[in-house]
Amino acid sequence: MYHHLRMLLNVLAVSLITVACGQTDAGISTKVKTNLTADEIVKAALINVDVQDKIATLSGSVDTQAVKERAVSVARATDGVTDVIDKITIQEQGYGSGSEHGREMMGRENREGRDH
């Protein structure tokens, strides 16, 4: 009886250690990706996740600073992640800012006005 109880306790101890240490980088990466996809703010963003030694590296491009900050926050909160490296960039729009566009148009109008 004592031998069986001791054997059972050993099996339980090994099981607990295996479960506690069982979070692989691939498993953590899957959790981070799942959490990012499920998040209402981040879900449509194109963010790549790479995990090495439980450190998540996020890369890709997002539309706003708010989405970038939220992605980092979601990754940090994911079970198993010990740190996050943020390589996310904010996507440049395909057109200039309003003031730059306005100056460009004013310059064009001034040049065209001189020709007439």
N, C-alpha and C. Protein backbone atom coordinates (compact mmCIF):
# COMPACT_ATOMS: atom_id res chain seq x y z
N MET A 1 0.82 -1.19 0.00
CA MET A 1 0.00 0.00 0.00
C MET A 1 0.87 1.26 0.00
N TYR A 2 1.86 1.32 0.87
CA TYR A 2 2.76 2.47 0.95
C TYR A 2 3.48 2.66 -0.38
N HIS A 3 3.90 1.57 -1.00
CA HIS A 3 4.61 1.62 -2.27
C HIS A 3 3.72 2.22 -3.37
N HIS A 4 2.47 1.84 -3.39
CA HIS A 4 1.53 2.37 -4.39
C HIS A 4 1.28 3.87 -4.18
N LEU A 5 1.15 4.26 -2.95
CA LEU A 5 0.93 5.67 -2.65
C LEU A 5 2.15 6.50 -3.04
N ARG A 6 3.32 6.01 -2.74
CA ARG A 6 4.56 6.71 -3.11
C ARG A 6 4.68 6.82 -4.63
N MET A 7 4.36 5.75 -5.32
CA MET A 7 4.42 5.74 -6.78
C MET A 7 3.42 6.75 -7.37
N LEU A 8 2.24 6.80 -6.80
CA LEU A 8 1.22 7.75 -7.25
C LEU A 8 1.68 9.19 -7.03
N LEU A 9 2.27 9.47 -5.90
CA LEU A 9 2.78 10.81 -5.62
C LEU A 9 3.90 11.20 -6.59
N ASN A 10 4.76 10.27 -6.93
CA ASN A 10 5.83 10.53 -7.89
C ASN A 10 5.25 10.84 -9.27
N VAL A 11 4.26 10.09 -9.66
CA VAL A 11 3.62 10.33 -10.96
C VAL A 11 2.97 11.71 -10.96
N LEU A 12 2.29 12.08 -9.90
CA LEU A 12 1.67 13.40 -9.81
C LEU A 12 2.72 14.51 -9.85
N ALA A 13 3.83 14.32 -9.15
CA ALA A 13 4.89 15.33 -9.14
C ALA A 13 5.47 15.52 -10.54
N VAL A 14 5.73 14.45 -11.25
CA VAL A 14 6.26 14.53 -12.61
C VAL A 14 5.24 15.20 -13.52
N SER A 15 3.97 14.88 -13.35
CA SER A 15 2.92 15.49 -14.17
C SER A 15 2.85 17.00 -13.95
N LEU A 16 2.92 17.41 -12.70
CA LEU A 16 2.88 18.84 -12.40
C LEU A 16 4.08 19.58 -12.99
N ILE A 17 5.24 19.00 -12.89
CA ILE A 17 6.44 19.62 -13.45
C ILE A 17 6.33 19.71 -14.97
N THR A 18 5.83 18.66 -15.60
CA THR A 18 5.68 18.64 -17.05
C THR A 18 4.70 19.71 -17.51
N VAL A 19 3.58 19.85 -16.81
CA VAL A 19 2.59 20.86 -17.16
C VAL A 19 3.14 22.26 -16.94
N ALA A 20 3.82 22.47 -15.83
CA ALA A 20 4.35 23.80 -15.51
C ALA A 20 5.42 24.23 -16.50
N CYS A 21 6.24 23.30 -16.96
CA CYS A 21 7.33 23.64 -17.88
C CYS A 21 6.96 23.36 -19.32
N GLY A 22 5.74 22.94 -19.56
CA GLY A 22 5.35 22.48 -20.88
C GLY A 22 4.99 23.55 -21.89
N GLN A 23 5.05 24.82 -21.53
CA GLN A 23 4.70 25.86 -22.48
C GLN A 23 5.86 26.06 -23.45
N THR A 24 5.65 25.59 -24.67
CA THR A 24 6.69 25.74 -25.68
C THR A 24 6.54 27.11 -26.35
N ASP A 25 7.59 27.53 -27.02
CA ASP A 25 7.53 28.79 -27.75
C ASP A 25 6.42 28.74 -28.81
N ALA A 26 6.28 27.59 -29.47
CA ALA A 26 5.23 27.46 -30.49
C ALA A 26 3.84 27.59 -29.86
N GLY A 27 3.66 26.99 -28.70
CA GLY A 27 2.38 27.09 -28.01
C GLY A 27 2.08 28.51 -27.56
N ILE A 28 3.10 29.20 -27.06
CA ILE A 28 2.93 30.59 -26.64
C ILE A 28 2.61 31.47 -27.85
N SER A 29 3.31 31.23 -28.95
CA SER A 29 3.07 31.99 -30.19
C SER A 29 1.62 31.83 -30.64
N THR A 30 1.12 30.62 -30.58
CA THR A 30 -0.27 30.36 -30.96
C THR A 30 -1.23 31.11 -30.05
N LYS A 31 -0.94 31.13 -28.74
CA LYS A 31 -1.79 31.86 -27.79
C LYS A 31 -1.80 33.35 -28.09
N VAL A 32 -0.61 33.91 -28.36
CA VAL A 32 -0.53 35.35 -28.65
C VAL A 32 -1.33 35.66 -29.92
N LYS A 33 -1.15 34.87 -30.97
CA LYS A 33 -1.88 35.09 -32.23
C LYS A 33 -3.38 35.00 -32.02
N THR A 34 -3.80 34.01 -31.24
CA THR A 34 -5.22 33.83 -30.95
C THR A 34 -5.77 35.03 -30.19
N ASN A 35 -5.03 35.51 -29.20
CA ASN A 35 -5.47 36.66 -28.41
C ASN A 35 -5.52 37.94 -29.25
N LEU A 36 -4.55 38.12 -30.14
CA LEU A 36 -4.56 39.30 -31.01
C LEU A 36 -5.74 39.27 -31.97
N THR A 37 -6.02 38.10 -32.53
CA THR A 37 -7.14 37.94 -33.46
C THR A 37 -8.47 38.15 -32.76
N ALA A 38 -8.57 37.74 -31.51
CA ALA A 38 -9.82 37.86 -30.75
C ALA A 38 -10.06 39.28 -30.24
N ASP A 39 -9.03 40.09 -30.19
CA ASP A 39 -9.16 41.44 -29.65
C ASP A 39 -9.87 42.35 -30.65
N GLU A 40 -10.88 43.08 -30.19
CA GLU A 40 -11.68 43.94 -31.06
C GLU A 40 -10.88 45.07 -31.70
N ILE A 41 -9.87 45.56 -31.03
CA ILE A 41 -9.08 46.68 -31.56
C ILE A 41 -8.03 46.19 -32.55
N VAL A 42 -7.41 45.06 -32.28
CA VAL A 42 -6.26 44.58 -33.04
C VAL A 42 -6.64 43.62 -34.16
N LYS A 43 -7.80 43.00 -34.10
CA LYS A 43 -8.12 41.83 -34.92
C LYS A 43 -7.85 41.95 -36.41
N ALA A 44 -8.00 43.11 -37.00
CA ALA A 44 -7.80 43.25 -38.44
C ALA A 44 -6.37 43.61 -38.82
N ALA A 45 -5.52 43.85 -37.83
CA ALA A 45 -4.14 44.28 -38.10
C ALA A 45 -3.29 43.10 -38.58
N LEU A 46 -2.32 43.42 -39.40
CA LEU A 46 -1.39 42.40 -39.89
C LEU A 46 -0.15 42.40 -39.02
N ILE A 47 -0.19 41.59 -37.97
CA ILE A 47 0.91 41.54 -37.01
C ILE A 47 1.49 40.13 -37.01
N ASN A 48 2.80 40.07 -37.18
CA ASN A 48 3.51 38.80 -37.12
C ASN A 48 4.00 38.58 -35.69
N VAL A 49 3.98 37.32 -35.27
CA VAL A 49 4.41 36.98 -33.91
C VAL A 49 5.49 35.91 -34.00
N ASP A 50 6.62 36.16 -33.36
CA ASP A 50 7.69 35.18 -33.26
C ASP A 50 8.06 35.08 -31.78
N VAL A 51 8.12 33.87 -31.27
CA VAL A 51 8.45 33.67 -29.86
C VAL A 51 9.71 32.82 -29.74
N GLN A 52 10.68 33.35 -29.01
CA GLN A 52 11.90 32.61 -28.71
C GLN A 52 12.20 32.79 -27.23
N ASP A 53 12.40 31.69 -26.54
CA ASP A 53 12.67 31.70 -25.11
C ASP A 53 11.60 32.49 -24.34
N LYS A 54 10.37 32.33 -24.76
CA LYS A 54 9.19 32.94 -24.13
C LYS A 54 9.13 34.46 -24.30
N ILE A 55 9.96 35.00 -25.19
CA ILE A 55 9.94 36.43 -25.51
C ILE A 55 9.25 36.59 -26.86
N ALA A 56 8.15 37.33 -26.87
CA ALA A 56 7.37 37.52 -28.09
C ALA A 56 7.86 38.76 -28.84
N THR A 57 8.18 38.59 -30.11
CA THR A 57 8.54 39.72 -30.97
C THR A 57 7.38 39.97 -31.91
N LEU A 58 6.85 41.19 -31.86
CA LEU A 58 5.74 41.58 -32.73
C LEU A 58 6.29 42.46 -33.85
N SER A 59 5.89 42.16 -35.08
CA SER A 59 6.30 42.98 -36.21
C SER A 59 5.13 43.09 -37.17
N GLY A 60 5.25 44.01 -38.09
CA GLY A 60 4.19 44.24 -39.05
C GLY A 60 3.83 45.70 -39.06
N SER A 61 2.69 46.00 -39.65
CA SER A 61 2.27 47.38 -39.82
C SER A 61 0.82 47.54 -39.38
N VAL A 62 0.55 48.61 -38.65
CA VAL A 62 -0.81 48.92 -38.20
C VAL A 62 -1.17 50.35 -38.60
N ASP A 63 -2.44 50.68 -38.49
CA ASP A 63 -2.92 51.99 -38.92
C ASP A 63 -2.68 53.11 -37.91
N THR A 64 -2.73 52.77 -36.61
CA THR A 64 -2.65 53.83 -35.60
C THR A 64 -1.76 53.42 -34.42
N GLN A 65 -1.34 54.42 -33.67
CA GLN A 65 -0.57 54.18 -32.45
C GLN A 65 -1.39 53.40 -31.44
N ALA A 66 -2.70 53.64 -31.40
CA ALA A 66 -3.57 52.94 -30.45
C ALA A 66 -3.59 51.44 -30.72
N VAL A 67 -3.63 51.05 -31.98
CA VAL A 67 -3.62 49.63 -32.33
C VAL A 67 -2.28 49.01 -31.95
N LYS A 68 -1.20 49.73 -32.21
CA LYS A 68 0.14 49.26 -31.86
C LYS A 68 0.24 49.02 -30.35
N GLU A 69 -0.18 49.99 -29.56
CA GLU A 69 -0.10 49.87 -28.10
C GLU A 69 -0.98 48.73 -27.59
N ARG A 70 -2.14 48.57 -28.18
CA ARG A 70 -3.05 47.50 -27.75
C ARG A 70 -2.45 46.13 -28.07
N ALA A 71 -1.82 45.98 -29.24
CA ALA A 71 -1.21 44.71 -29.61
C ALA A 71 -0.12 44.32 -28.62
N VAL A 72 0.71 45.28 -28.25
CA VAL A 72 1.77 45.02 -27.28
C VAL A 72 1.17 44.63 -25.93
N SER A 73 0.12 45.32 -25.53
CA SER A 73 -0.55 45.04 -24.26
C SER A 73 -1.15 43.63 -24.25
N VAL A 74 -1.80 43.25 -25.34
CA VAL A 74 -2.41 41.91 -25.44
C VAL A 74 -1.31 40.84 -25.37
N ALA A 75 -0.21 41.06 -26.07
CA ALA A 75 0.88 40.09 -26.06
C ALA A 75 1.47 39.95 -24.65
N ARG A 76 1.69 41.08 -23.98
CA ARG A 76 2.25 41.05 -22.62
C ARG A 76 1.34 40.28 -21.65
N ALA A 77 0.04 40.37 -21.85
CA ALA A 77 -0.92 39.73 -20.96
C ALA A 77 -1.11 38.24 -21.26
N THR A 78 -0.51 37.75 -22.32
CA THR A 78 -0.68 36.35 -22.70
C THR A 78 0.13 35.45 -21.77
N ASP A 79 -0.51 34.41 -21.28
CA ASP A 79 0.13 33.46 -20.38
C ASP A 79 1.35 32.84 -21.04
N GLY A 80 2.48 32.88 -20.34
CA GLY A 80 3.71 32.28 -20.84
C GLY A 80 4.68 33.29 -21.42
N VAL A 81 4.21 34.48 -21.78
CA VAL A 81 5.08 35.51 -22.34
C VAL A 81 5.82 36.20 -21.20
N THR A 82 7.15 36.24 -21.29
CA THR A 82 7.94 36.90 -20.25
C THR A 82 8.32 38.32 -20.64
N ASP A 83 8.37 38.61 -21.95
CA ASP A 83 8.70 39.95 -22.41
C ASP A 83 8.20 40.10 -23.84
N VAL A 84 8.07 41.35 -24.29
CA VAL A 84 7.62 41.64 -25.65
C VAL A 84 8.59 42.62 -26.30
N ILE A 85 9.02 42.29 -27.50
CA ILE A 85 9.83 43.20 -28.30
C ILE A 85 8.91 43.76 -29.38
N ASP A 86 8.78 45.08 -29.40
CA ASP A 86 7.85 45.76 -30.31
C ASP A 86 8.59 46.27 -31.54
N LYS A 87 8.33 45.63 -32.68
CA LYS A 87 8.89 46.08 -33.96
C LYS A 87 7.76 46.50 -34.91
N ILE A 88 6.61 46.81 -34.35
CA ILE A 88 5.46 47.20 -35.16
C ILE A 88 5.66 48.63 -35.65
N THR A 89 5.33 48.85 -36.91
CA THR A 89 5.39 50.20 -37.47
C THR A 89 3.98 50.70 -37.74
N ILE A 90 3.86 52.01 -37.77
CA ILE A 90 2.57 52.62 -38.10
C ILE A 90 2.59 52.91 -39.60
N GLN A 91 1.58 52.40 -40.27
CA GLN A 91 1.50 52.47 -41.73
C GLN A 91 1.39 53.91 -42.22
N GLU A 92 2.25 54.25 -43.16
CA GLU A 92 2.18 55.56 -43.80
C GLU A 92 1.00 55.57 -44.75
N GLN A 93 0.27 56.65 -44.76
CA GLN A 93 -0.83 56.79 -45.71
C GLN A 93 -0.26 57.12 -47.08
N GLY A 94 -0.97 56.80 -48.12
CA GLY A 94 -0.49 57.01 -49.47
C GLY A 94 -0.60 58.44 -49.95
N TYR A 95 -0.91 59.37 -49.08
CA TYR A 95 -1.05 60.77 -49.47
C TYR A 95 -0.47 61.64 -48.37
N GLY A 96 -0.12 62.85 -48.70
CA GLY A 96 0.47 63.75 -47.73
C GLY A 96 -0.57 64.30 -46.79
N SER A 97 -0.09 65.02 -45.79
CA SER A 97 -1.01 65.64 -44.85
C SER A 97 -1.74 66.78 -45.54
N GLY A 98 -2.81 67.22 -44.96
CA GLY A 98 -3.63 68.28 -45.56
C GLY A 98 -2.85 69.54 -45.83
N SER A 99 -1.99 69.96 -44.90
CA SER A 99 -1.25 71.20 -45.10
C SER A 99 -0.23 71.05 -46.23
N GLU A 100 0.42 69.89 -46.31
CA GLU A 100 1.38 69.68 -47.40
C GLU A 100 0.66 69.69 -48.74
N HIS A 101 -0.48 69.03 -48.81
CA HIS A 101 -1.24 68.97 -50.04
C HIS A 101 -1.72 70.37 -50.42
N GLY A 102 -2.13 71.14 -49.43
CA GLY A 102 -2.59 72.50 -49.69
C GLY A 102 -1.48 73.37 -50.23
N ARG A 103 -0.27 73.26 -49.65
CA ARG A 103 0.87 74.05 -50.15
C ARG A 103 1.22 73.66 -51.58
N GLU A 104 1.16 72.35 -51.85
CA GLU A 104 1.46 71.88 -53.20
C GLU A 104 0.47 72.45 -54.20
N MET A 105 -0.81 72.45 -53.85
CA MET A 105 -1.83 72.97 -54.75
C MET A 105 -1.69 74.48 -54.92
N MET A 106 -1.36 75.20 -53.85
CA MET A 106 -1.17 76.65 -53.94
C MET A 106 0.01 76.98 -54.84
N GLY A 107 1.08 76.21 -54.72
CA GLY A 107 2.24 76.42 -55.57
C GLY A 107 1.90 76.20 -57.03
N ARG A 108 1.12 75.19 -57.30
CA ARG A 108 0.71 74.88 -58.67
C ARG A 108 -0.16 76.00 -59.23
N GLU A 109 -1.10 76.48 -58.41
CA GLU A 109 -1.98 77.57 -58.87
C GLU A 109 -1.19 78.83 -59.15
N ASN A 110 -0.19 79.13 -58.30
CA ASN A 110 0.65 80.32 -58.51
C ASN A 110 1.43 80.22 -59.78
N ARG A 111 1.99 79.02 -60.06
CA ARG A 111 2.75 78.83 -61.30
C ARG A 111 1.85 78.94 -62.51
N GLU A 112 0.67 78.33 -62.42
CA GLU A 112 -0.26 78.38 -63.54
C GLU A 112 -0.79 79.79 -63.76
N GLY A 113 -0.97 80.56 -62.68
CA GLY A 113 -1.45 81.95 -62.79
C GLY A 113 -0.45 82.84 -63.52
N ARG A 114 0.83 82.55 -63.36
CA ARG A 114 1.86 83.36 -64.01
C ARG A 114 1.90 83.13 -65.51
N ASP A 115 1.49 81.94 -65.91
CA ASP A 115 1.53 81.60 -67.32
C ASP A 115 0.42 82.28 -68.12
N HIS A 116 -0.62 82.73 -67.44
CA HIS A 116 -1.77 83.31 -68.17
C HIS A 116 -1.66 84.75 -68.30
